[in-house]
Amino acid sequence: MRCTILASGSKGNCTYIEGHGGSLLIDAGLSAKETFARMAQAGCTPDAIEAIVVTHEHGDHVRGLDVLARKLSCPVYATQGTLADFLCHRRTSDKPLETRVCRYNEAFTVAGMTLTPFATSHDAAEPCGFTVKDDGVTLGYCTDTGIVTAGMFARLRPCDGLVLESNHCPDMLANGPYPESLKRRIRSDHGHLSNPAAAAVLRQLGRDAPPVILSHLSEINNTPDKARASARDGLGLFFEDTGLIVASQAGTTPVSRQELRL
């Protein structure tokens, strides 16, 4: 399995996952034009994409979804709540779009990979993360969540690779320019995972921690160095044994720092 982060952050999120039987995208928060450009830069194959799966309906995850799905001639998978909000409130086109409902804890197969959605804790209609299994390896994908519950952790523990949110440094958020209402939203249980919270997940995984991509870093309230240092503290003695990548909004430059091969 190959997991390539095309973009990760508040300006747009999109991840390309390639298995033995095909490929898919998780989220489509870039324009279709930019998504194709980044796929070309990363050596991804658009013609192999068989679906776009969506974590939730916020603009930085669905901004290019409508056009991209139609250009790729592929279905969109999301929970009922996510699809309803997207179709009723965010989609402006009336052109045909194939959608398929996925449900928490019910596995489905696309592009030869088995995906299982799990509930996340975010201020969206029905948000989810995914585990993606192909040829005996499993990737966990967990972003846009204010907390990691015991149920979520149980999904992530067996994974062979992990995309995990590390959104903000609490001190930078507290002292930053955002209004207090937005700061409260971000740090709430339905907001975004902080660096220390992500580190706590890695600490709990301990020696079982797989290669990790830290994702959805805030450009205002975080830095790659702070996210990496916090994760290193969480991993402790197991840091040297764990591959650690920090994703960026810039995406595929350089590709080697944005990609896991499992």
Protein backbone atom coordinates (compact mmCIF):
# COMPACT_ATOMS: atom_id res chain seq x y z
CA MET A 1 0.00 0.00 0.00
CA ARG A 2 1.16 3.50 -0.83
CA CYS A 3 -0.27 6.52 1.02
CA THR A 4 0.57 9.94 -0.41
CA ILE A 5 -0.56 13.17 1.22
CA LEU A 6 -1.44 15.60 -1.56
CA ALA A 7 -2.44 18.33 0.90
CA SER A 8 -3.06 18.56 4.62
CA GLY A 9 -4.26 21.63 6.51
CA SER A 10 -7.01 24.21 6.79
CA LYS A 11 -6.71 25.23 3.12
CA GLY A 12 -7.45 21.75 1.77
CA ASN A 13 -7.00 18.06 2.48
CA CYS A 14 -6.56 15.20 0.04
CA THR A 15 -4.82 11.83 0.32
CA TYR A 16 -4.10 9.29 -2.42
CA ILE A 17 -4.03 5.63 -1.40
CA GLU A 18 -2.82 2.98 -3.83
CA GLY A 19 -3.39 -0.71 -3.22
CA HIS A 20 -2.74 -3.83 -5.25
CA GLY A 21 -6.13 -3.66 -6.97
CA GLY A 22 -6.59 0.06 -7.53
CA SER A 23 -6.54 3.47 -5.86
CA LEU A 24 -8.81 5.86 -4.01
CA LEU A 25 -8.79 9.36 -2.57
CA ILE A 26 -9.66 10.30 0.98
CA ASP A 27 -11.24 13.78 0.89
CA ALA A 28 -11.18 16.31 -1.93
CA GLY A 29 -10.46 19.68 -0.38
CA LEU A 30 -8.44 21.07 -3.30
CA SER A 31 -9.77 22.21 -6.64
CA ALA A 32 -9.87 19.48 -9.27
CA LYS A 33 -7.17 21.30 -11.24
CA GLU A 34 -4.84 21.48 -8.25
CA THR A 35 -5.54 17.86 -7.30
CA PHE A 36 -4.59 16.62 -10.75
CA ALA A 37 -1.44 18.78 -10.72
CA ARG A 38 -0.33 17.38 -7.37
CA MET A 39 -1.09 13.82 -8.42
CA ALA A 40 1.09 14.30 -11.48
CA GLN A 41 3.88 15.74 -9.34
CA ALA A 42 3.68 12.78 -6.94
CA GLY A 43 3.51 10.12 -9.64
CA CYS A 44 -0.05 9.11 -8.77
CA THR A 45 -2.36 7.61 -11.38
CA PRO A 46 -5.77 9.31 -11.70
CA ASP A 47 -7.11 6.60 -14.00
CA ALA A 48 -6.63 4.05 -11.19
CA ILE A 49 -8.90 5.93 -8.76
CA GLU A 50 -12.12 4.01 -8.18
CA ALA A 51 -13.70 6.15 -5.45
CA ILE A 52 -13.44 9.24 -3.29
CA VAL A 53 -14.20 8.58 0.38
CA VAL A 54 -15.02 11.57 2.56
CA THR A 55 -14.44 12.10 6.27
CA HIS A 56 -16.88 15.00 6.67
CA GLU A 57 -18.47 17.89 4.81
CA HIS A 58 -16.33 20.90 5.82
CA GLY A 59 -15.03 22.92 2.90
CA ASP A 60 -11.36 22.03 3.36
CA HIS A 61 -12.35 18.39 2.76
CA VAL A 62 -14.99 18.70 -0.01
CA ARG A 63 -14.14 21.90 -1.88
CA GLY A 64 -13.26 20.06 -5.10
CA LEU A 65 -15.41 16.98 -4.54
CA ASP A 66 -18.20 17.62 -7.03
CA VAL A 67 -16.02 18.44 -10.04
CA LEU A 68 -13.32 15.91 -9.20
CA ALA A 69 -15.70 12.97 -8.79
CA ARG A 70 -17.31 13.75 -12.13
CA LYS A 71 -13.97 14.16 -13.91
CA LEU A 72 -12.79 10.84 -12.47
CA SER A 73 -16.16 9.18 -13.15
CA CYS A 74 -16.08 7.60 -9.72
CA PRO A 75 -18.54 7.32 -6.81
CA VAL A 76 -18.37 9.27 -3.56
CA TYR A 77 -18.57 7.31 -0.31
CA ALA A 78 -19.53 9.06 2.95
CA THR A 79 -21.83 8.67 5.91
CA GLN A 80 -25.50 9.58 5.52
CA GLY A 81 -25.08 12.77 7.55
CA THR A 82 -22.08 13.91 5.53
CA LEU A 83 -23.76 13.24 2.20
CA ALA A 84 -26.99 14.93 3.24
CA ASP A 85 -25.21 18.10 4.33
CA PHE A 86 -23.00 18.17 1.25
CA LEU A 87 -25.81 17.56 -1.23
CA CYS A 88 -28.31 19.92 0.42
CA HIS A 89 -26.10 22.80 1.53
CA ARG A 90 -22.72 22.74 -0.20
CA ARG A 91 -23.19 21.38 -3.71
CA THR A 92 -24.07 23.95 -6.38
CA SER A 93 -24.15 21.71 -9.48
CA ASP A 94 -27.18 19.71 -10.56
CA LYS A 95 -25.14 17.37 -12.78
CA PRO A 96 -25.30 13.64 -11.97
CA LEU A 97 -23.10 12.55 -9.09
CA GLU A 98 -22.90 8.95 -7.88
CA THR A 99 -22.99 8.70 -4.09
CA ARG A 100 -22.91 5.69 -1.77
CA VAL A 101 -23.61 5.63 1.95
CA CYS A 102 -21.14 4.05 4.36
CA ARG A 103 -21.91 3.38 8.02
CA TYR A 104 -19.86 3.36 11.18
CA ASN A 105 -18.16 0.02 11.87
CA GLU A 106 -19.51 -1.57 8.66
CA ALA A 107 -16.73 -2.60 6.27
CA PHE A 108 -17.01 -2.07 2.52
CA THR A 109 -14.68 -2.87 -0.37
CA VAL A 110 -13.53 -0.51 -3.09
CA ALA A 111 -10.46 -0.67 -5.35
CA GLY A 112 -9.67 -4.04 -3.82
CA MET A 113 -9.25 -2.45 -0.37
CA THR A 114 -11.44 -2.99 2.67
CA LEU A 115 -12.45 0.22 4.42
CA THR A 116 -14.14 0.46 7.81
CA PRO A 117 -15.46 3.86 8.92
CA PHE A 118 -15.37 4.76 12.60
CA ALA A 119 -16.90 7.71 14.44
CA THR A 120 -14.73 10.74 15.19
CA SER A 121 -15.50 13.70 17.47
CA HIS A 122 -15.85 16.84 15.35
CA ASP A 123 -18.42 19.58 14.82
CA ALA A 124 -19.76 18.09 11.61
CA ALA A 125 -22.93 16.18 10.72
CA GLU A 126 -21.59 12.60 10.92
CA PRO A 127 -17.78 12.66 10.74
CA CYS A 128 -15.61 9.59 10.48
CA GLY A 129 -12.12 8.23 10.16
CA PHE A 130 -11.21 5.08 8.27
CA THR A 131 -9.10 2.00 8.50
CA VAL A 132 -7.95 0.84 5.06
CA LYS A 133 -6.80 -2.76 4.64
CA ASP A 134 -5.02 -4.18 1.61
CA ASP A 135 -2.90 -7.31 1.15
CA GLY A 136 -2.51 -7.91 4.86
CA VAL A 137 -1.60 -4.36 5.94
CA THR A 138 -3.86 -1.74 7.49
CA LEU A 139 -3.65 2.05 7.44
CA GLY A 140 -5.48 4.11 10.06
CA TYR A 141 -6.73 7.55 9.00
CA CYS A 142 -7.80 9.79 11.88
CA THR A 143 -8.02 13.57 11.46
CA ASP A 144 -10.43 16.35 12.47
CA THR A 145 -11.31 15.09 15.92
CA GLY A 146 -11.18 16.84 19.27
CA ILE A 147 -10.46 13.64 21.20
CA VAL A 148 -9.46 10.04 20.57
CA THR A 149 -11.94 7.83 22.38
CA ALA A 150 -11.32 4.28 23.57
CA GLY A 151 -13.30 3.02 20.60
CA MET A 152 -11.23 5.04 18.15
CA PHE A 153 -8.01 3.90 19.78
CA ALA A 154 -9.10 0.27 19.47
CA ARG A 155 -9.38 0.85 15.70
CA LEU A 156 -5.96 2.47 15.47
CA ARG A 157 -3.92 0.14 17.66
CA PRO A 158 -3.64 -2.77 15.16
CA CYS A 159 -2.70 -0.52 12.22
CA ASP A 160 0.57 -0.86 10.32
CA GLY A 161 0.61 2.83 9.43
CA LEU A 162 -1.21 5.85 10.79
CA VAL A 163 -2.30 9.28 9.54
CA LEU A 164 -3.00 11.18 12.76
CA GLU A 165 -4.05 14.78 13.34
CA SER A 166 -1.65 17.02 15.26
CA ASN A 167 -3.40 20.30 14.66
CA HIS A 168 -2.20 22.90 17.15
CA CYS A 169 0.18 23.87 19.89
CA PRO A 170 -1.99 24.91 22.88
CA ASP A 171 0.27 27.86 23.74
CA MET A 172 0.29 29.17 20.17
CA LEU A 173 -3.48 28.84 20.00
CA ALA A 174 -3.98 30.61 23.34
CA ASN A 175 -1.69 33.50 22.38
CA GLY A 176 -2.62 33.64 18.69
CA PRO A 177 -4.86 35.97 16.69
CA TYR A 178 -8.04 33.86 16.56
CA PRO A 179 -11.17 35.14 18.35
CA GLU A 180 -11.96 33.42 21.64
CA SER A 181 -15.01 31.69 20.18
CA LEU A 182 -12.87 29.99 17.53
CA LYS A 183 -10.19 29.08 20.07
CA ARG A 184 -12.85 27.40 22.23
CA ARG A 185 -14.13 25.48 19.21
CA ILE A 186 -10.66 24.25 18.25
CA ARG A 187 -9.71 23.08 21.74
CA SER A 188 -13.11 21.50 22.48
CA ASP A 189 -13.86 17.77 22.37
CA HIS A 190 -15.48 18.40 18.97
CA GLY A 191 -12.61 20.46 17.60
CA HIS A 192 -9.10 19.46 16.59
CA LEU A 193 -6.44 17.26 18.17
CA SER A 194 -3.59 19.20 19.79
CA ASN A 195 0.07 18.23 19.66
CA PRO A 196 -0.03 16.88 23.25
CA ALA A 197 -3.19 14.91 22.53
CA ALA A 198 -1.61 13.32 19.47
CA ALA A 199 1.50 12.59 21.53
CA ALA A 200 -0.68 10.89 24.15
CA VAL A 201 -2.03 8.54 21.47
CA LEU A 202 1.51 7.66 20.41
CA ARG A 203 2.56 7.22 24.04
CA GLN A 204 -0.31 4.78 24.56
CA LEU A 205 0.73 2.84 21.46
CA GLY A 206 4.28 2.65 22.82
CA ARG A 207 6.43 -0.02 21.22
CA ASP A 208 3.48 -0.89 18.93
CA ALA A 209 3.47 2.57 17.32
CA PRO A 210 3.62 2.16 13.51
CA PRO A 211 5.02 4.65 10.99
CA VAL A 212 3.04 7.88 11.45
CA ILE A 213 2.14 10.88 9.32
CA LEU A 214 1.22 13.86 11.52
CA SER A 215 -1.48 15.74 9.63
CA HIS A 216 -3.81 18.76 9.53
CA LEU A 217 -1.25 21.11 11.14
CA SER A 218 -2.53 24.65 11.62
CA GLU A 219 -0.45 27.20 9.73
CA ILE A 220 -1.29 29.79 12.40
CA ASN A 221 -1.21 27.77 15.62
CA ASN A 222 1.48 25.17 15.00
CA THR A 223 4.82 24.50 13.35
CA PRO A 224 6.26 21.25 11.96
CA ASP A 225 9.07 21.41 14.52
CA LYS A 226 6.63 21.73 17.43
CA ALA A 227 4.46 18.87 16.17
CA ARG A 228 7.50 16.65 15.63
CA ALA A 229 9.00 17.46 19.04
CA SER A 230 5.71 16.71 20.79
CA ALA A 231 5.35 13.39 18.96
CA ARG A 232 8.93 12.54 19.86
CA ASP A 233 8.14 13.16 23.53
CA GLY A 234 5.12 10.90 23.22
CA LEU A 235 7.09 8.08 21.63
CA GLY A 236 9.95 8.41 24.12
CA LEU A 237 12.37 5.49 23.87
CA PHE A 238 10.49 4.15 20.84
CA PHE A 239 11.03 7.28 18.71
CA GLU A 240 14.02 5.89 16.80
CA ASP A 241 12.02 2.77 15.87
CA THR A 242 9.04 4.72 14.52
CA GLY A 243 8.98 6.40 11.12
CA LEU A 244 7.61 9.92 11.59
CA ILE A 245 6.51 12.25 8.78
CA VAL A 246 4.98 15.70 9.18
CA ALA A 247 2.51 16.52 6.42
CA SER A 248 2.13 20.04 5.07
CA GLN A 249 -0.35 22.14 3.16
CA ALA A 250 2.21 22.32 0.37
CA GLY A 251 1.60 18.63 -0.19
CA THR A 252 3.90 16.70 -2.41
CA THR A 253 7.04 18.85 -2.13
CA PRO A 254 9.08 16.87 -1.46
CA VAL A 255 7.13 13.67 -2.03
CA SER A 256 9.49 11.55 0.06
CA ARG A 257 8.40 13.43 3.19
CA GLN A 258 4.68 13.06 2.46
CA GLU A 259 4.44 9.35 1.69
CA LEU A 260 4.16 6.02 3.48
CA ARG A 261 4.75 2.71 1.77
CA LEU A 262 3.45 -0.23 3.77
